Amino acid sequence: MTFRYKDVLDRGKPTHEKDDTFSIKHPPMELSKRAKIFSPFDALKGFGDELSKSQTEVTDHFLKDRDSIEDTP
């Protein structure tokens, strides 16, 4: 089976000169601004809340075990 767009994939990422028409029209975006584009996107709704919950449970368990170890003579 052949991959339909293999030639496009093999070409790789296009490169442009600093002062060609494409680069003038479409200057590269700063990384700080680029990150803002994706920040409101939450692909896994509730995942952050579950991570926080798990972290709290693990921390509480660890602290409970540590306290019981400190209490033993």
PDB file of N, CA and C in Angstrom:
ATOM      1  N   MET A   1       0.840  -1.183   0.000  1.00  0.00           N
ATOM      2  CA  MET A   1       0.000   0.000   0.000  1.00  0.00           C
ATOM      3  C   MET A   1       0.885   1.248   0.000  1.00  0.00           C
ATOM      4  N   THR A   2       0.562   2.204  -0.809  1.00  0.00           N
ATOM      5  CA  THR A   2       1.361   3.426  -0.872  1.00  0.00           C
ATOM      6  C   THR A   2       0.673   4.548  -0.111  1.00  0.00           C
ATOM      7  N   PHE A   3       1.468   5.371   0.496  1.00  0.00           N
ATOM      8  CA  PHE A   3       0.958   6.520   1.239  1.00  0.00           C
ATOM      9  C   PHE A   3       0.688   7.646   0.242  1.00  0.00           C
ATOM     10  N   ARG A   4      -0.531   8.149   0.246  1.00  0.00           N
ATOM     11  CA  ARG A   4      -0.984   9.105  -0.760  1.00  0.00           C
ATOM     12  C   ARG A   4      -0.153  10.384  -0.802  1.00  0.00           C
ATOM     13  N   TYR A   5       0.261  10.886   0.342  1.00  0.00           N
ATOM     14  CA  TYR A   5       0.972  12.165   0.396  1.00  0.00           C
ATOM     15  C   TYR A   5       2.447  11.997   0.765  1.00  0.00           C
ATOM     16  N   LYS A   6       3.016  10.866   0.414  1.00  0.00           N
ATOM     17  CA  LYS A   6       4.406  10.595   0.757  1.00  0.00           C
ATOM     18  C   LYS A   6       5.345  11.669   0.204  1.00  0.00           C
ATOM     19  N   ASP A   7       5.107  12.139  -1.006  1.00  0.00           N
ATOM     20  CA  ASP A   7       5.970  13.161  -1.595  1.00  0.00           C
ATOM     21  C   ASP A   7       5.924  14.465  -0.800  1.00  0.00           C
ATOM     22  N   VAL A   8       4.757  14.811  -0.280  1.00  0.00           N
ATOM     23  CA  VAL A   8       4.626  16.025   0.532  1.00  0.00           C
ATOM     24  C   VAL A   8       5.363  15.840   1.857  1.00  0.00           C
ATOM     25  N   LEU A   9       5.216  14.679   2.454  1.00  0.00           N
ATOM     26  CA  LEU A   9       5.888  14.384   3.715  1.00  0.00           C
ATOM     27  C   LEU A   9       7.398  14.379   3.543  1.00  0.00           C
ATOM     28  N   ASP A  10       7.863  13.825   2.459  1.00  0.00           N
ATOM     29  CA  ASP A  10       9.303  13.753   2.198  1.00  0.00           C
ATOM     30  C   ASP A  10       9.933  15.128   1.972  1.00  0.00           C
ATOM     31  N   ARG A  11       9.140  16.082   1.504  1.00  0.00           N
ATOM     32  CA  ARG A  11       9.681  17.434   1.282  1.00  0.00           C
ATOM     33  C   ARG A  11      10.064  18.121   2.591  1.00  0.00           C
ATOM     34  N   GLY A  12       9.374  17.803   3.653  1.00  0.00           N
ATOM     35  CA  GLY A  12       9.684  18.403   4.954  1.00  0.00           C
ATOM     36  C   GLY A  12       9.105  19.803   5.098  1.00  0.00           C
ATOM     37  N   LYS A  13       9.525  20.458   6.148  1.00  0.00           N
ATOM     38  CA  LYS A  13       9.028  21.796   6.459  1.00  0.00           C
ATOM     39  C   LYS A  13       9.629  22.813   5.481  1.00  0.00           C
ATOM     40  N   PRO A  14       8.795  23.686   4.937  1.00  0.00           N
ATOM     41  CA  PRO A  14       9.338  24.676   3.994  1.00  0.00           C
ATOM     42  C   PRO A  14      10.211  25.707   4.713  1.00  0.00           C
ATOM     43  N   THR A  15      11.223  26.168   4.033  1.00  0.00           N
ATOM     44  CA  THR A  15      12.077  27.217   4.586  1.00  0.00           C
ATOM     45  C   THR A  15      11.939  28.461   3.727  1.00  0.00           C
ATOM     46  N   HIS A  16      12.036  29.610   4.369  1.00  0.00           N
ATOM     47  CA  HIS A  16      11.880  30.877   3.667  1.00  0.00           C
ATOM     48  C   HIS A  16      13.012  31.811   4.056  1.00  0.00           C
ATOM     49  N   GLU A  17      13.353  32.676   3.144  1.00  0.00           N
ATOM     50  CA  GLU A  17      14.338  33.713   3.423  1.00  0.00           C
ATOM     51  C   GLU A  17      13.664  34.812   4.237  1.00  0.00           C
ATOM     52  N   LYS A  18      14.460  35.582   5.000  1.00  0.00           N
ATOM     53  CA  LYS A  18      13.904  36.628   5.850  1.00  0.00           C
ATOM     54  C   LYS A  18      13.120  37.683   5.080  1.00  0.00           C
ATOM     55  N   ASP A  19      13.573  37.998   3.882  1.00  0.00           N
ATOM     56  CA  ASP A  19      12.930  39.096   3.168  1.00  0.00           C
ATOM     57  C   ASP A  19      12.203  38.644   1.903  1.00  0.00           C
ATOM     58  N   ASP A  20      11.790  37.364   1.841  1.00  0.00           N
ATOM     59  CA  ASP A  20      10.956  36.973   0.707  1.00  0.00           C
ATOM     60  C   ASP A  20       9.510  37.380   0.981  1.00  0.00           C
ATOM     61  N   THR A  21       8.673  37.356  -0.027  1.00  0.00           N
ATOM     62  CA  THR A  21       7.312  37.880   0.114  1.00  0.00           C
ATOM     63  C   THR A  21       6.500  37.118   1.152  1.00  0.00           C
ATOM     64  N   PHE A  22       6.703  35.810   1.257  1.00  0.00           N
ATOM     65  CA  PHE A  22       5.951  35.027   2.240  1.00  0.00           C
ATOM     66  C   PHE A  22       6.313  35.451   3.661  1.00  0.00           C
ATOM     67  N   SER A  23       7.608  35.583   3.940  1.00  0.00           N
ATOM     68  CA  SER A  23       8.057  35.926   5.291  1.00  0.00           C
ATOM     69  C   SER A  23       7.643  37.341   5.679  1.00  0.00           C
ATOM     70  N   ILE A  24       7.583  38.235   4.711  1.00  0.00           N
ATOM     71  CA  ILE A  24       7.143  39.599   5.002  1.00  0.00           C
ATOM     72  C   ILE A  24       5.651  39.600   5.327  1.00  0.00           C
ATOM     73  N   LYS A  25       4.886  38.846   4.560  1.00  0.00           N
ATOM     74  CA  LYS A  25       3.440  38.773   4.763  1.00  0.00           C
ATOM     75  C   LYS A  25       3.075  37.995   6.026  1.00  0.00           C
ATOM     76  N   HIS A  26       3.849  36.972   6.341  1.00  0.00           N
ATOM     77  CA  HIS A  26       3.556  36.080   7.471  1.00  0.00           C
ATOM     78  C   HIS A  26       4.781  35.951   8.373  1.00  0.00           C
ATOM     79  N   PRO A  27       5.071  36.972   9.178  1.00  0.00           N
ATOM     80  CA  PRO A  27       6.244  36.872  10.062  1.00  0.00           C
ATOM     81  C   PRO A  27       6.023  35.794  11.123  1.00  0.00           C
ATOM     82  N   PRO A  28       7.098  35.197  11.623  1.00  0.00           N
ATOM     83  CA  PRO A  28       6.937  34.161  12.637  1.00  0.00           C
ATOM     84  C   PRO A  28       6.334  34.733  13.920  1.00  0.00           C
ATOM     85  N   MET A  29       5.493  33.937  14.543  1.00  0.00           N
ATOM     86  CA  MET A  29       4.832  34.366  15.771  1.00  0.00           C
ATOM     87  C   MET A  29       5.753  34.105  16.962  1.00  0.00           C
ATOM     88  N   GLU A  30       5.723  35.034  17.927  1.00  0.00           N
ATOM     89  CA  GLU A  30       6.507  34.850  19.148  1.00  0.00           C
ATOM     90  C   GLU A  30       5.957  33.646  19.909  1.00  0.00           C
ATOM     91  N   LEU A  31       6.831  32.902  20.570  1.00  0.00           N
ATOM     92  CA  LEU A  31       6.398  31.712  21.297  1.00  0.00           C
ATOM     93  C   LEU A  31       5.408  32.047  22.412  1.00  0.00           C
ATOM     94  N   SER A  32       5.588  33.183  23.066  1.00  0.00           N
ATOM     95  CA  SER A  32       4.664  33.540  24.145  1.00  0.00           C
ATOM     96  C   SER A  32       3.254  33.763  23.607  1.00  0.00           C
ATOM     97  N   LYS A  33       3.138  34.358  22.430  1.00  0.00           N
ATOM     98  CA  LYS A  33       1.818  34.557  21.830  1.00  0.00           C
ATOM     99  C   LYS A  33       1.256  33.242  21.302  1.00  0.00           C
ATOM    100  N   ARG A  34       2.117  32.401  20.798  1.00  0.00           N
ATOM    101  CA  ARG A  34       1.681  31.120  20.250  1.00  0.00           C
ATOM    102  C   ARG A  34       1.065  30.258  21.354  1.00  0.00           C
ATOM    103  N   ALA A  35       1.646  30.287  22.529  1.00  0.00           N
ATOM    104  CA  ALA A  35       1.120  29.495  23.643  1.00  0.00           C
ATOM    105  C   ALA A  35      -0.273  29.973  24.038  1.00  0.00           C
ATOM    106  N   LYS A  36      -0.531  31.259  23.930  1.00  0.00           N
ATOM    107  CA  LYS A  36      -1.838  31.807  24.293  1.00  0.00           C
ATOM    108  C   LYS A  36      -2.948  31.289  23.394  1.00  0.00           C
ATOM    109  N   ILE A  37      -2.615  30.925  22.178  1.00  0.00           N
ATOM    110  CA  ILE A  37      -3.629  30.409  21.263  1.00  0.00           C
ATOM    111  C   ILE A  37      -4.259  29.138  21.816  1.00  0.00           C
ATOM    112  N   PHE A  38      -3.445  28.279  22.404  1.00  0.00           N
ATOM    113  CA  PHE A  38      -3.920  26.981  22.845  1.00  0.00           C
ATOM    114  C   PHE A  38      -4.316  26.944  24.321  1.00  0.00           C
ATOM    115  N   SER A  39      -4.052  27.976  25.067  1.00  0.00           N
ATOM    116  CA  SER A  39      -4.330  27.933  26.502  1.00  0.00           C
ATOM    117  C   SER A  39      -5.806  27.739  26.843  1.00  0.00           C
ATOM    118  N   PRO A  40      -6.765  28.321  26.117  1.00  0.00           N
ATOM    119  CA  PRO A  40      -8.151  28.090  26.508  1.00  0.00           C
ATOM    120  C   PRO A  40      -8.682  26.718  26.088  1.00  0.00           C
ATOM    121  N   PHE A  41      -7.908  25.984  25.306  1.00  0.00           N
ATOM    122  CA  PHE A  41      -8.353  24.694  24.801  1.00  0.00           C
ATOM    123  C   PHE A  41      -8.101  23.613  25.843  1.00  0.00           C
ATOM    124  N   ASP A  42      -9.162  22.934  26.229  1.00  0.00           N
ATOM    125  CA  ASP A  42      -9.051  21.851  27.204  1.00  0.00           C
ATOM    126  C   ASP A  42      -9.522  20.560  26.537  1.00  0.00           C
ATOM    127  N   ALA A  43      -8.584  19.810  25.996  1.00  0.00           N
ATOM    128  CA  ALA A  43      -8.933  18.603  25.237  1.00  0.00           C
ATOM    129  C   ALA A  43      -9.570  17.541  26.123  1.00  0.00           C
ATOM    130  N   LEU A  44      -9.140  17.454  27.356  1.00  0.00           N
ATOM    131  CA  LEU A  44      -9.660  16.454  28.288  1.00  0.00           C
ATOM    132  C   LEU A  44     -10.350  17.160  29.437  1.00  0.00           C
ATOM    133  N   LYS A  45     -11.608  17.467  29.248  1.00  0.00           N
ATOM    134  CA  LYS A  45     -12.359  18.212  30.262  1.00  0.00           C
ATOM    135  C   LYS A  45     -12.358  17.450  31.585  1.00  0.00           C
ATOM    136  N   GLY A  46     -12.037  18.148  32.656  1.00  0.00           N
ATOM    137  CA  GLY A  46     -12.027  17.552  33.981  1.00  0.00           C
ATOM    138  C   GLY A  46     -10.734  16.842  34.338  1.00  0.00           C
ATOM    139  N   PHE A  47      -9.812  16.717  33.377  1.00  0.00           N
ATOM    140  CA  PHE A  47      -8.567  15.998  33.638  1.00  0.00           C
ATOM    141  C   PHE A  47      -7.728  16.716  34.686  1.00  0.00           C
ATOM    142  N   GLY A  48      -7.655  18.037  34.593  1.00  0.00           N
ATOM    143  CA  GLY A  48      -6.899  18.820  35.570  1.00  0.00           C
ATOM    144  C   GLY A  48      -7.461  18.655  36.975  1.00  0.00           C
ATOM    145  N   ASP A  49      -8.797  18.630  37.076  1.00  0.00           N
ATOM    146  CA  ASP A  49      -9.432  18.442  38.386  1.00  0.00           C
ATOM    147  C   ASP A  49      -9.102  17.062  38.961  1.00  0.00           C
ATOM    148  N   GLU A  50      -9.130  16.050  38.107  1.00  0.00           N
ATOM    149  CA  GLU A  50      -8.797  14.695  38.563  1.00  0.00           C
ATOM    150  C   GLU A  50      -7.341  14.601  39.006  1.00  0.00           C
ATOM    151  N   LEU A  51      -6.449  15.277  38.288  1.00  0.00           N
ATOM    152  CA  LEU A  51      -5.040  15.282  38.699  1.00  0.00           C
ATOM    153  C   LEU A  51      -4.874  15.944  40.061  1.00  0.00           C
ATOM    154  N   SER A  52      -5.559  17.064  40.258  1.00  0.00           N
ATOM    155  CA  SER A  52      -5.480  17.746  41.556  1.00  0.00           C
ATOM    156  C   SER A  52      -6.019  16.856  42.667  1.00  0.00           C
ATOM    157  N   LYS A  53      -7.125  16.176  42.384  1.00  0.00           N
ATOM    158  CA  LYS A  53      -7.725  15.289  43.388  1.00  0.00           C
ATOM    159  C   LYS A  53      -6.757  14.155  43.737  1.00  0.00           C
ATOM    160  N   SER A  54      -6.166  13.547  42.707  1.00  0.00           N
ATOM    161  CA  SER A  54      -5.205  12.467  42.949  1.00  0.00           C
ATOM    162  C   SER A  54      -3.996  12.958  43.727  1.00  0.00           C
ATOM    163  N   GLN A  55      -3.521  14.148  43.374  1.00  0.00           N
ATOM    164  CA  GLN A  55      -2.367  14.698  44.074  1.00  0.00           C
ATOM    165  C   GLN A  55      -2.685  14.921  45.546  1.00  0.00           C
ATOM    166  N   THR A  56      -3.871  15.436  45.816  1.00  0.00           N
ATOM    167  CA  THR A  56      -4.285  15.656  47.201  1.00  0.00           C
ATOM    168  C   THR A  56      -4.361  14.340  47.959  1.00  0.00           C
ATOM    169  N   GLU A  57      -4.948  13.312  47.330  1.00  0.00           N
ATOM    170  CA  GLU A  57      -5.064  12.006  47.990  1.00  0.00           C
ATOM    171  C   GLU A  57      -3.691  11.410  48.291  1.00  0.00           C
ATOM    172  N   VAL A  58      -2.795  11.477  47.333  1.00  0.00           N
ATOM    173  CA  VAL A  58      -1.449  10.924  47.521  1.00  0.00           C
ATOM    174  C   VAL A  58      -0.702  11.700  48.599  1.00  0.00           C
ATOM    175  N   THR A  59      -0.804  13.020  48.562  1.00  0.00           N
ATOM    176  CA  THR A  59      -0.132  13.853  49.561  1.00  0.00           C
ATOM    177  C   THR A  59      -0.669  13.552  50.953  1.00  0.00           C
ATOM    178  N   ASP A  60      -2.007  13.465  51.077  1.00  0.00           N
ATOM    179  CA  ASP A  60      -2.606  13.160  52.385  1.00  0.00           C
ATOM    180  C   ASP A  60      -2.152  11.782  52.883  1.00  0.00           C
ATOM    181  N   HIS A  61      -2.119  10.824  51.980  1.00  0.00           N
ATOM    182  CA  HIS A  61      -1.684   9.471  52.358  1.00  0.00           C
ATOM    183  C   HIS A  61      -0.222   9.487  52.809  1.00  0.00           C
ATOM    184  N   PHE A  62       0.623  10.200  52.071  1.00  0.00           N
ATOM    185  CA  PHE A  62       2.038  10.282  52.410  1.00  0.00           C
ATOM    186  C   PHE A  62       2.220  10.955  53.775  1.00  0.00           C
ATOM    187  N   LEU A  63       1.501  12.046  53.996  1.00  0.00           N
ATOM    188  CA  LEU A  63       1.631  12.760  55.270  1.00  0.00           C
ATOM    189  C   LEU A  63       1.119  11.924  56.429  1.00  0.00           C
ATOM    190  N   LYS A  64       0.039  11.175  56.204  1.00  0.00           N
ATOM    191  CA  LYS A  64      -0.493  10.306  57.252  1.00  0.00           C
ATOM    192  C   LYS A  64       0.526   9.232  57.611  1.00  0.00           C
ATOM    193  N   ASP A  65       1.124   8.608  56.588  1.00  0.00           N
ATOM    194  CA  ASP A  65       2.144   7.578  56.840  1.00  0.00           C
ATOM    195  C   ASP A  65       3.351   8.175  57.552  1.00  0.00           C
ATOM    196  N   ARG A  66       3.751   9.368  57.151  1.00  0.00           N
ATOM    197  CA  ARG A  66       4.913  10.013  57.770  1.00  0.00           C
ATOM    198  C   ARG A  66       4.636  10.327  59.235  1.00  0.00           C
ATOM    199  N   ASP A  67       3.420  10.797  59.518  1.00  0.00           N
ATOM    200  CA  ASP A  67       3.069  11.114  60.904  1.00  0.00           C
ATOM    201  C   ASP A  67       3.049   9.855  61.767  1.00  0.00           C
ATOM    202  N   SER A  68       2.541   8.745  61.212  1.00  0.00           N
ATOM    203  CA  SER A  68       2.499   7.507  62.011  1.00  0.00           C
ATOM    204  C   SER A  68       3.907   6.960  62.251  1.00  0.00           C
ATOM    205  N   ILE A  69       4.825   7.179  61.327  1.00  0.00           N
ATOM    206  CA  ILE A  69       6.198   6.738  61.508  1.00  0.00           C
ATOM    207  C   ILE A  69       6.876   7.586  62.594  1.00  0.00           C
ATOM    208  N   GLU A  70       6.608   8.884  62.587  1.00  0.00           N
ATOM    209  CA  GLU A  70       7.224   9.781  63.574  1.00  0.00           C
ATOM    210  C   GLU A  70       6.691   9.498  64.980  1.00  0.00           C
ATOM    211  N   ASP A  71       5.445   8.973  65.081  1.00  0.00           N
ATOM    212  CA  ASP A  71       4.838   8.703  66.380  1.00  0.00           C
ATOM    213  C   ASP A  71       5.376   7.420  67.008  1.00  0.00           C
ATOM    214  N   THR A  72       5.925   6.523  66.206  1.00  0.00           N
ATOM    215  CA  THR A  72       6.402   5.255  66.762  1.00  0.00           C
ATOM    216  C   THR A  72       7.753   5.473  67.453  1.00  0.00           C
ATOM    217  N   PRO A  73       7.922   4.828  68.617  1.00  0.00           N
ATOM    218  CA  PRO A  73       9.187   5.007  69.368  1.00  0.00           C
ATOM    219  C   PRO A  73      10.355   4.290  68.760  1.00  0.00           C
TER     220      PRO A  73
END
